[in-house]
Amino acid sequence: DCVVGNVGSRWRYDYSVLGDTVNLASRLESLSKE
């Protein structure tokens, strides 16, 4: 589960995702080399 939607400031924002699921995916990518 993630939170998905517009993320940013009133001057600039992007459609993106947030949450522990995202953090773990990034960690798994870094572990692939190890």
PDB file of all heavy atoms in Angstrom:
ATOM      1  N   ASP A   1       0.829  -1.203   0.000  1.00  0.00           N
ATOM      2  CA  ASP A   1       0.000   0.000   0.000  1.00  0.00           C
ATOM      3  C   ASP A   1       0.862   1.251   0.000  1.00  0.00           C
ATOM      4  O   ASP A   1       1.852   1.347   0.736  1.00  0.00           O
ATOM      5  CB  ASP A   1      -0.916   0.014   1.222  1.00  0.00           C
ATOM      6  CG  ASP A   1      -2.006  -1.044   1.129  1.00  0.00           C
ATOM      7  OD1 ASP A   1      -2.271  -1.510   0.003  1.00  0.00           O
ATOM      8  OD2 ASP A   1      -2.602  -1.387   2.172  1.00  0.00           O
ATOM      9  N   CYS A   2       0.425   2.219  -0.846  1.00  0.00           N
ATOM     10  CA  CYS A   2       1.123   3.500  -0.962  1.00  0.00           C
ATOM     11  C   CYS A   2       0.093   4.619  -1.048  1.00  0.00           C
ATOM     12  O   CYS A   2      -1.076   4.387  -1.353  1.00  0.00           O
ATOM     13  CB  CYS A   2       2.000   3.556  -2.218  1.00  0.00           C
ATOM     14  SG  CYS A   2       3.187   2.222  -2.385  1.00  0.00           S
ATOM     15  N   VAL A   3       0.561   5.817  -0.829  1.00  0.00           N
ATOM     16  CA  VAL A   3      -0.239   7.011  -1.105  1.00  0.00           C
ATOM     17  C   VAL A   3       0.217   7.553  -2.443  1.00  0.00           C
ATOM     18  O   VAL A   3       1.407   7.800  -2.650  1.00  0.00           O
ATOM     19  CB  VAL A   3      -0.068   8.072  -0.004  1.00  0.00           C
ATOM     20  CG1 VAL A   3      -0.816   9.353  -0.386  1.00  0.00           C
ATOM     21  CG2 VAL A   3      -0.578   7.542   1.320  1.00  0.00           C
ATOM     22  N   VAL A   4      -0.729   7.724  -3.374  1.00  0.00           N
ATOM     23  CA  VAL A   4      -0.392   8.181  -4.717  1.00  0.00           C
ATOM     24  C   VAL A   4      -1.223   9.411  -5.044  1.00  0.00           C
ATOM     25  O   VAL A   4      -2.395   9.499  -4.698  1.00  0.00           O
ATOM     26  CB  VAL A   4      -0.640   7.067  -5.763  1.00  0.00           C
ATOM     27  CG1 VAL A   4      -2.080   6.610  -5.752  1.00  0.00           C
ATOM     28  CG2 VAL A   4      -0.240   7.506  -7.158  1.00  0.00           C
ATOM     29  N   GLY A   5      -0.593  10.394  -5.691  1.00  0.00           N
ATOM     30  CA  GLY A   5      -1.282  11.629  -6.058  1.00  0.00           C
ATOM     31  C   GLY A   5      -0.277  12.708  -6.374  1.00  0.00           C
ATOM     32  O   GLY A   5       0.921  12.444  -6.527  1.00  0.00           O
ATOM     33  N   ASN A   6      -0.753  13.934  -6.462  1.00  0.00           N
ATOM     34  CA  ASN A   6       0.139  15.058  -6.735  1.00  0.00           C
ATOM     35  C   ASN A   6       0.943  15.390  -5.490  1.00  0.00           C
ATOM     36  O   ASN A   6       0.383  15.655  -4.424  1.00  0.00           O
ATOM     37  CB  ASN A   6      -0.656  16.288  -7.174  1.00  0.00           C
ATOM     38  CG  ASN A   6      -0.942  16.277  -8.659  1.00  0.00           C
ATOM     39  OD1 ASN A   6      -0.264  15.596  -9.418  1.00  0.00           O
ATOM     40  ND2 ASN A   6      -1.936  17.039  -9.083  1.00  0.00           N
ATOM     41  N   VAL A   7       2.243  15.418  -5.646  1.00  0.00           N
ATOM     42  CA  VAL A   7       3.142  15.692  -4.536  1.00  0.00           C
ATOM     43  C   VAL A   7       4.031  16.854  -4.947  1.00  0.00           C
ATOM     44  O   VAL A   7       4.626  16.841  -6.031  1.00  0.00           O
ATOM     45  CB  VAL A   7       4.004  14.465  -4.180  1.00  0.00           C
ATOM     46  CG1 VAL A   7       4.969  14.801  -3.046  1.00  0.00           C
ATOM     47  CG2 VAL A   7       3.119  13.289  -3.798  1.00  0.00           C
ATOM     48  N   GLY A   8       4.130  17.869  -4.086  1.00  0.00           N
ATOM     49  CA  GLY A   8       4.989  19.003  -4.396  1.00  0.00           C
ATOM     50  C   GLY A   8       4.460  20.261  -3.760  1.00  0.00           C
ATOM     51  O   GLY A   8       3.696  20.230  -2.802  1.00  0.00           O
ATOM     52  N   SER A   9       4.860  21.392  -4.314  1.00  0.00           N
ATOM     53  CA  SER A   9       4.441  22.691  -3.803  1.00  0.00           C
ATOM     54  C   SER A   9       3.423  23.296  -4.748  1.00  0.00           C
ATOM     55  O   SER A   9       3.103  22.732  -5.791  1.00  0.00           O
ATOM     56  CB  SER A   9       5.656  23.612  -3.682  1.00  0.00           C
ATOM     57  OG  SER A   9       6.149  23.930  -4.984  1.00  0.00           O
ATOM     58  N   ARG A  10       2.924  24.483  -4.403  1.00  0.00           N
ATOM     59  CA  ARG A  10       1.958  25.128  -5.278  1.00  0.00           C
ATOM     60  C   ARG A  10       2.604  25.661  -6.543  1.00  0.00           C
ATOM     61  O   ARG A  10       1.916  26.014  -7.494  1.00  0.00           O
ATOM     62  CB  ARG A  10       1.229  26.250  -4.543  1.00  0.00           C
ATOM     63  CG  ARG A  10       2.104  27.344  -4.002  1.00  0.00           C
ATOM     64  CD  ARG A  10       1.321  28.226  -3.033  1.00  0.00           C
ATOM     65  NE  ARG A  10       2.182  29.179  -2.352  1.00  0.00           N
ATOM     66  CZ  ARG A  10       2.102  30.492  -2.532  1.00  0.00           C
ATOM     67  NH1 ARG A  10       1.229  30.980  -3.383  1.00  0.00           N
ATOM     68  NH2 ARG A  10       2.884  31.306  -1.866  1.00  0.00           N
ATOM     69  N   TRP A  11       3.946  25.725  -6.554  1.00  0.00           N
ATOM     70  CA  TRP A  11       4.635  26.169  -7.768  1.00  0.00           C
ATOM     71  C   TRP A  11       4.960  25.002  -8.696  1.00  0.00           C
ATOM     72  O   TRP A  11       4.948  25.145  -9.897  1.00  0.00           O
ATOM     73  CB  TRP A  11       5.929  26.898  -7.403  1.00  0.00           C
ATOM     74  CG  TRP A  11       5.666  28.179  -6.679  1.00  0.00           C
ATOM     75  CD1 TRP A  11       5.263  29.362  -7.205  1.00  0.00           C
ATOM     76  CD2 TRP A  11       5.756  28.385  -5.262  1.00  0.00           C
ATOM     77  NE1 TRP A  11       5.095  30.307  -6.226  1.00  0.00           N
ATOM     78  CE2 TRP A  11       5.402  29.738  -5.007  1.00  0.00           C
ATOM     79  CE3 TRP A  11       6.115  27.578  -4.176  1.00  0.00           C
ATOM     80  CZ2 TRP A  11       5.394  30.284  -3.744  1.00  0.00           C
ATOM     81  CZ3 TRP A  11       6.109  28.122  -2.925  1.00  0.00           C
ATOM     82  CH2 TRP A  11       5.739  29.453  -2.705  1.00  0.00           C
ATOM     83  N   ARG A  12       5.244  23.855  -8.106  1.00  0.00           N
ATOM     84  CA  ARG A  12       5.577  22.702  -8.943  1.00  0.00           C
ATOM     85  C   ARG A  12       5.228  21.430  -8.182  1.00  0.00           C
ATOM     86  O   ARG A  12       5.493  21.327  -6.988  1.00  0.00           O
ATOM     87  CB  ARG A  12       7.068  22.703  -9.295  1.00  0.00           C
ATOM     88  CG  ARG A  12       7.450  21.505 -10.141  1.00  0.00           C
ATOM     89  CD  ARG A  12       8.848  21.591 -10.653  1.00  0.00           C
ATOM     90  NE  ARG A  12       9.197  20.392 -11.389  1.00  0.00           N
ATOM     91  CZ  ARG A  12      10.331  20.224 -12.064  1.00  0.00           C
ATOM     92  NH1 ARG A  12      11.231  21.190 -12.096  1.00  0.00           N
ATOM     93  NH2 ARG A  12      10.575  19.104 -12.702  1.00  0.00           N
ATOM     94  N   TYR A  13       4.639  20.508  -8.876  1.00  0.00           N
ATOM     95  CA  TYR A  13       4.306  19.228  -8.264  1.00  0.00           C
ATOM     96  C   TYR A  13       4.354  18.140  -9.326  1.00  0.00           C
ATOM     97  O   TYR A  13       4.331  18.404 -10.526  1.00  0.00           O
ATOM     98  CB  TYR A  13       2.924  19.266  -7.599  1.00  0.00           C
ATOM     99  CG  TYR A  13       1.811  19.721  -8.508  1.00  0.00           C
ATOM    100  CD1 TYR A  13       1.166  18.821  -9.359  1.00  0.00           C
ATOM    101  CD2 TYR A  13       1.400  21.052  -8.519  1.00  0.00           C
ATOM    102  CE1 TYR A  13       0.144  19.230 -10.201  1.00  0.00           C
ATOM    103  CE2 TYR A  13       0.380  21.475  -9.359  1.00  0.00           C
ATOM    104  CZ  TYR A  13      -0.239  20.558 -10.189  1.00  0.00           C
ATOM    105  OH  TYR A  13      -1.235  20.963 -11.019  1.00  0.00           O
ATOM    106  N   ASP A  14       4.451  16.892  -8.848  1.00  0.00           N
ATOM    107  CA  ASP A  14       4.492  15.722  -9.730  1.00  0.00           C
ATOM    108  C   ASP A  14       3.520  14.678  -9.213  1.00  0.00           C
ATOM    109  O   ASP A  14       3.234  14.609  -8.010  1.00  0.00           O
ATOM    110  CB  ASP A  14       5.901  15.114  -9.783  1.00  0.00           C
ATOM    111  CG  ASP A  14       6.883  15.992 -10.546  1.00  0.00           C
ATOM    112  OD1 ASP A  14       6.535  16.416 -11.658  1.00  0.00           O
ATOM    113  OD2 ASP A  14       7.975  16.247 -10.014  1.00  0.00           O
ATOM    114  N   TYR A  15       3.050  13.862 -10.113  1.00  0.00           N
ATOM    115  CA  TYR A  15       2.221  12.716  -9.742  1.00  0.00           C
ATOM    116  C   TYR A  15       3.170  11.621  -9.276  1.00  0.00           C
ATOM    117  O   TYR A  15       3.949  11.075 -10.058  1.00  0.00           O
ATOM    118  CB  TYR A  15       1.398  12.264 -10.937  1.00  0.00           C
ATOM    119  CG  TYR A  15       0.357  11.227 -10.604  1.00  0.00           C
ATOM    120  CD1 TYR A  15      -0.797  11.564  -9.922  1.00  0.00           C
ATOM    121  CD2 TYR A  15       0.538   9.902 -10.979  1.00  0.00           C
ATOM    122  CE1 TYR A  15      -1.757  10.619  -9.620  1.00  0.00           C
ATOM    123  CE2 TYR A  15      -0.413   8.944 -10.677  1.00  0.00           C
ATOM    124  CZ  TYR A  15      -1.558   9.305 -10.000  1.00  0.00           C
ATOM    125  OH  TYR A  15      -2.500   8.358  -9.703  1.00  0.00           O
ATOM    126  N   SER A  16       3.152  11.303  -7.972  1.00  0.00           N
ATOM    127  CA  SER A  16       4.159  10.391  -7.417  1.00  0.00           C
ATOM    128  C   SER A  16       3.548   9.543  -6.311  1.00  0.00           C
ATOM    129  O   SER A  16       2.347   9.643  -6.029  1.00  0.00           O
ATOM    130  CB  SER A  16       5.344  11.209  -6.883  1.00  0.00           C
ATOM    131  OG  SER A  16       6.403  10.359  -6.484  1.00  0.00           O
ATOM    132  N   VAL A  17       4.391   8.694  -5.709  1.00  0.00           N
ATOM    133  CA  VAL A  17       3.942   7.784  -4.651  1.00  0.00           C
ATOM    134  C   VAL A  17       4.810   7.970  -3.420  1.00  0.00           C
ATOM    135  O   VAL A  17       5.997   8.325  -3.507  1.00  0.00           O
ATOM    136  CB  VAL A  17       4.002   6.307  -5.114  1.00  0.00           C
ATOM    137  CG1 VAL A  17       2.962   6.050  -6.171  1.00  0.00           C
ATOM    138  CG2 VAL A  17       5.374   5.935  -5.627  1.00  0.00           C
ATOM    139  N   LEU A  18       4.221   7.698  -2.263  1.00  0.00           N
ATOM    140  CA  LEU A  18       4.919   7.811  -0.980  1.00  0.00           C
ATOM    141  C   LEU A  18       4.566   6.605  -0.121  1.00  0.00           C
ATOM    142  O   LEU A  18       3.502   6.011  -0.282  1.00  0.00           O
ATOM    143  CB  LEU A  18       4.497   9.089  -0.251  1.00  0.00           C
ATOM    144  CG  LEU A  18       4.764  10.439  -0.940  1.00  0.00           C
ATOM    145  CD1 LEU A  18       4.088  11.553  -0.151  1.00  0.00           C
ATOM    146  CD2 LEU A  18       6.253  10.691  -1.064  1.00  0.00           C
ATOM    147  N   GLY A  19       5.490   6.247   0.791  1.00  0.00           N
ATOM    148  CA  GLY A  19       5.181   5.182   1.735  1.00  0.00           C
ATOM    149  C   GLY A  19       6.345   4.225   1.943  1.00  0.00           C
ATOM    150  O   GLY A  19       7.359   4.250   1.229  1.00  0.00           O
ATOM    151  N   ASP A  20       6.191   3.360   2.966  1.00  0.00           N
ATOM    152  CA  ASP A  20       7.244   2.385   3.285  1.00  0.00           C
ATOM    153  C   ASP A  20       7.476   1.411   2.143  1.00  0.00           C
ATOM    154  O   ASP A  20       8.591   0.902   1.975  1.00  0.00           O
ATOM    155  CB  ASP A  20       6.871   1.616   4.559  1.00  0.00           C
ATOM    156  CG  ASP A  20       6.925   2.507   5.794  1.00  0.00           C
ATOM    157  OD1 ASP A  20       7.606   3.551   5.735  1.00  0.00           O
ATOM    158  OD2 ASP A  20       6.274   2.160   6.797  1.00  0.00           O
ATOM    159  N   THR A  21       6.428   1.130   1.364  1.00  0.00           N
ATOM    160  CA  THR A  21       6.589   0.228   0.219  1.00  0.00           C
ATOM    161  C   THR A  21       7.609   0.788  -0.762  1.00  0.00           C
ATOM    162  O   THR A  21       8.436   0.048  -1.320  1.00  0.00           O
ATOM    163  CB  THR A  21       5.232   0.036  -0.484  1.00  0.00           C
ATOM    164  OG1 THR A  21       4.318  -0.562   0.430  1.00  0.00           O
ATOM    165  CG2 THR A  21       5.371  -0.841  -1.716  1.00  0.00           C
ATOM    166  N   VAL A  22       7.581   2.103  -0.970  1.00  0.00           N
ATOM    167  CA  VAL A  22       8.540   2.759  -1.871  1.00  0.00           C
ATOM    168  C   VAL A  22       9.949   2.669  -1.291  1.00  0.00           C
ATOM    169  O   VAL A  22      10.913   2.361  -2.010  1.00  0.00           O
ATOM    170  CB  VAL A  22       8.128   4.227  -2.103  1.00  0.00           C
ATOM    171  CG1 VAL A  22       9.103   4.926  -3.037  1.00  0.00           C
ATOM    172  CG2 VAL A  22       6.716   4.317  -2.651  1.00  0.00           C
ATOM    173  N   ASN A  23      10.059   2.922  -0.005  1.00  0.00           N
ATOM    174  CA  ASN A  23      11.387   2.889   0.631  1.00  0.00           C
ATOM    175  C   ASN A  23      12.008   1.501   0.538  1.00  0.00           C
ATOM    176  O   ASN A  23      13.216   1.358   0.282  1.00  0.00           O
ATOM    177  CB  ASN A  23      11.273   3.317   2.095  1.00  0.00           C
ATOM    178  CG  ASN A  23      10.742   4.741   2.229  1.00  0.00           C
ATOM    179  OD1 ASN A  23      10.917   5.555   1.327  1.00  0.00           O
ATOM    180  ND2 ASN A  23      10.097   5.033   3.351  1.00  0.00           N
ATOM    181  N   LEU A  24      11.184   0.468   0.734  1.00  0.00           N
ATOM    182  CA  LEU A  24      11.710  -0.892   0.663  1.00  0.00           C
ATOM    183  C   LEU A  24      12.112  -1.249  -0.764  1.00  0.00           C
ATOM    184  O   LEU A  24      13.123  -1.921  -0.986  1.00  0.00           O
ATOM    185  CB  LEU A  24      10.668  -1.882   1.190  1.00  0.00           C
ATOM    186  CG  LEU A  24      11.094  -3.356   1.185  1.00  0.00           C
ATOM    187  CD1 LEU A  24      12.399  -3.566   1.952  1.00  0.00           C
ATOM    188  CD2 LEU A  24       9.997  -4.245   1.758  1.00  0.00           C
ATOM    189  N   ALA A  25      11.359  -0.789  -1.749  1.00  0.00           N
ATOM    190  CA  ALA A  25      11.730  -1.054  -3.143  1.00  0.00           C
ATOM    191  C   ALA A  25      13.080  -0.437  -3.462  1.00  0.00           C
ATOM    192  O   ALA A  25      13.924  -1.049  -4.143  1.00  0.00           O
ATOM    193  CB  ALA A  25      10.654  -0.496  -4.084  1.00  0.00           C
ATOM    194  N   SER A  26      13.302   0.791  -2.980  1.00  0.00           N
ATOM    195  CA  SER A  26      14.600   1.441  -3.196  1.00  0.00           C
ATOM    196  C   SER A  26      15.718   0.672  -2.493  1.00  0.00           C
ATOM    197  O   SER A  26      16.822   0.501  -3.043  1.00  0.00           O
ATOM    198  CB  SER A  26      14.534   2.879  -2.679  1.00  0.00           C
ATOM    199  OG  SER A  26      15.783   3.510  -2.798  1.00  0.00           O
ATOM    200  N   ARG A  27      15.423   0.173  -1.301  1.00  0.00           N
ATOM    201  CA  ARG A  27      16.437  -0.601  -0.558  1.00  0.00           C
ATOM    202  C   ARG A  27      16.750  -1.904  -1.266  1.00  0.00           C
ATOM    203  O   ARG A  27      17.907  -2.325  -1.321  1.00  0.00           O
ATOM    204  CB  ARG A  27      15.914  -0.861   0.860  1.00  0.00           C
ATOM    205  CG  ARG A  27      16.917  -1.583   1.747  1.00  0.00           C
ATOM    206  CD  ARG A  27      16.310  -1.836   3.106  1.00  0.00           C
ATOM    207  NE  ARG A  27      17.187  -2.702   3.900  1.00  0.00           N
ATOM    208  CZ  ARG A  27      16.819  -3.304   5.022  1.00  0.00           C
ATOM    209  NH1 ARG A  27      15.570  -3.131   5.470  1.00  0.00           N
ATOM    210  NH2 ARG A  27      17.668  -4.073   5.690  1.00  0.00           N
ATOM    211  N   LEU A  28      15.742  -2.553  -1.821  1.00  0.00           N
ATOM    212  CA  LEU A  28      15.970  -3.813  -2.543  1.00  0.00           C
ATOM    213  C   LEU A  28      16.867  -3.588  -3.752  1.00  0.00           C
ATOM    214  O   LEU A  28      17.735  -4.415  -4.069  1.00  0.00           O
ATOM    215  CB  LEU A  28      14.632  -4.413  -2.985  1.00  0.00           C
ATOM    216  CG  LEU A  28      13.693  -4.875  -1.873  1.00  0.00           C
ATOM    217  CD1 LEU A  28      12.393  -5.406  -2.469  1.00  0.00           C
ATOM    218  CD2 LEU A  28      14.357  -5.950  -1.010  1.00  0.00           C
ATOM    219  N   GLU A  29      16.657  -2.445  -4.418  1.00  0.00           N
ATOM    220  CA  GLU A  29      17.523  -2.148  -5.577  1.00  0.00           C
ATOM    221  C   GLU A  29      18.973  -2.006  -5.137  1.00  0.00           C
ATOM    222  O   GLU A  29      19.899  -2.514  -5.786  1.00  0.00           O
ATOM    223  CB  GLU A  29      17.014  -0.868  -6.256  1.00  0.00           C
ATOM    224  CG  GLU A  29      17.839  -0.399  -7.438  1.00  0.00           C
ATOM    225  CD  GLU A  29      18.982   0.481  -6.988  1.00  0.00           C
ATOM    226  OE1 GLU A  29      18.777   1.380  -6.148  1.00  0.00           O
ATOM    227  OE2 GLU A  29      20.118   0.232  -7.470  1.00  0.00           O
ATOM    228  N   SER A  30      19.197  -1.317  -4.003  1.00  0.00           N
ATOM    229  CA  SER A  30      20.578  -1.135  -3.538  1.00  0.00           C
ATOM    230  C   SER A  30      21.191  -2.447  -3.057  1.00  0.00           C
ATOM    231  O   SER A  30      22.408  -2.653  -3.150  1.00  0.00           O
ATOM    232  CB  SER A  30      20.622  -0.087  -2.419  1.00  0.00           C
ATOM    233  OG  SER A  30      19.879  -0.535  -1.286  1.00  0.00           O
ATOM    234  N   LEU A  31      20.339  -3.384  -2.550  1.00  0.00           N
ATOM    235  CA  LEU A  31      20.847  -4.683  -2.090  1.00  0.00           C
ATOM    236  C   LEU A  31      21.215  -5.607  -3.251  1.00  0.00           C
ATOM    237  O   LEU A  31      21.928  -6.596  -3.057  1.00  0.00           O
ATOM    238  CB  LEU A  31      19.801  -5.370  -1.208  1.00  0.00           C
ATOM    239  CG  LEU A  31      19.588  -4.787   0.193  1.00  0.00           C
ATOM    240  CD1 LEU A  31      18.434  -5.504   0.880  1.00  0.00           C
ATOM    241  CD2 LEU A  31      20.860  -4.910   1.036  1.00  0.00           C
ATOM    242  N   SER A  32      20.705  -5.321  -4.445  1.00  0.00           N
ATOM    243  CA  SER A  32      20.959  -6.230  -5.565  1.00  0.00           C
ATOM    244  C   SER A  32      22.449  -6.365  -5.858  1.00  0.00           C
ATOM    245  O   SER A  32      22.933  -7.450  -6.203  1.00  0.00           O
ATOM    246  CB  SER A  32      20.210  -5.743  -6.810  1.00  0.00           C
ATOM    247  OG  SER A  32      20.705  -4.475  -7.229  1.00  0.00           O
ATOM    248  N   LYS A  33      23.196  -5.269  -5.703  1.00  0.00           N
ATOM    249  CA  LYS A  33      24.648  -5.344  -5.937  1.00  0.00           C
ATOM    250  C   LYS A  33      25.323  -6.156  -4.850  1.00  0.00           C
ATOM    251  O   LYS A  33      26.215  -6.979  -5.117  1.00  0.00           O
ATOM    252  CB  LYS A  33      25.220  -3.931  -5.989  1.00  0.00           C
ATOM    253  CG  LYS A  33      26.715  -3.896  -6.291  1.00  0.00           C
ATOM    254  CD  LYS A  33      27.206  -2.465  -6.411  1.00  0.00           C
ATOM    255  CE  LYS A  33      28.703  -2.450  -6.746  1.00  0.00           C
ATOM    256  NZ  LYS A  33      29.220  -1.055  -6.851  1.00  0.00           N
ATOM    257  N   GLU A  34      24.864  -5.950  -3.608  1.00  0.00           N
ATOM    258  CA  GLU A  34      25.459  -6.670  -2.480  1.00  0.00           C
ATOM    259  C   GLU A  34      25.240  -8.177  -2.600  1.00  0.00           C
ATOM    260  O   GLU A  34      26.124  -8.976  -2.269  1.00  0.00           O
ATOM    261  CB  GLU A  34      24.854  -6.142  -1.180  1.00  0.00           C
ATOM    262  CG  GLU A  34      25.392  -6.802   0.074  1.00  0.00           C
ATOM    263  CD  GLU A  34      24.737  -6.254   1.326  1.00  0.00           C
ATOM    264  OE1 GLU A  34      24.166  -5.136   1.270  1.00  0.00           O
ATOM    265  OE2 GLU A  34      24.791  -6.955   2.367  1.00  0.00           O
TER     266      GLU A  34
END
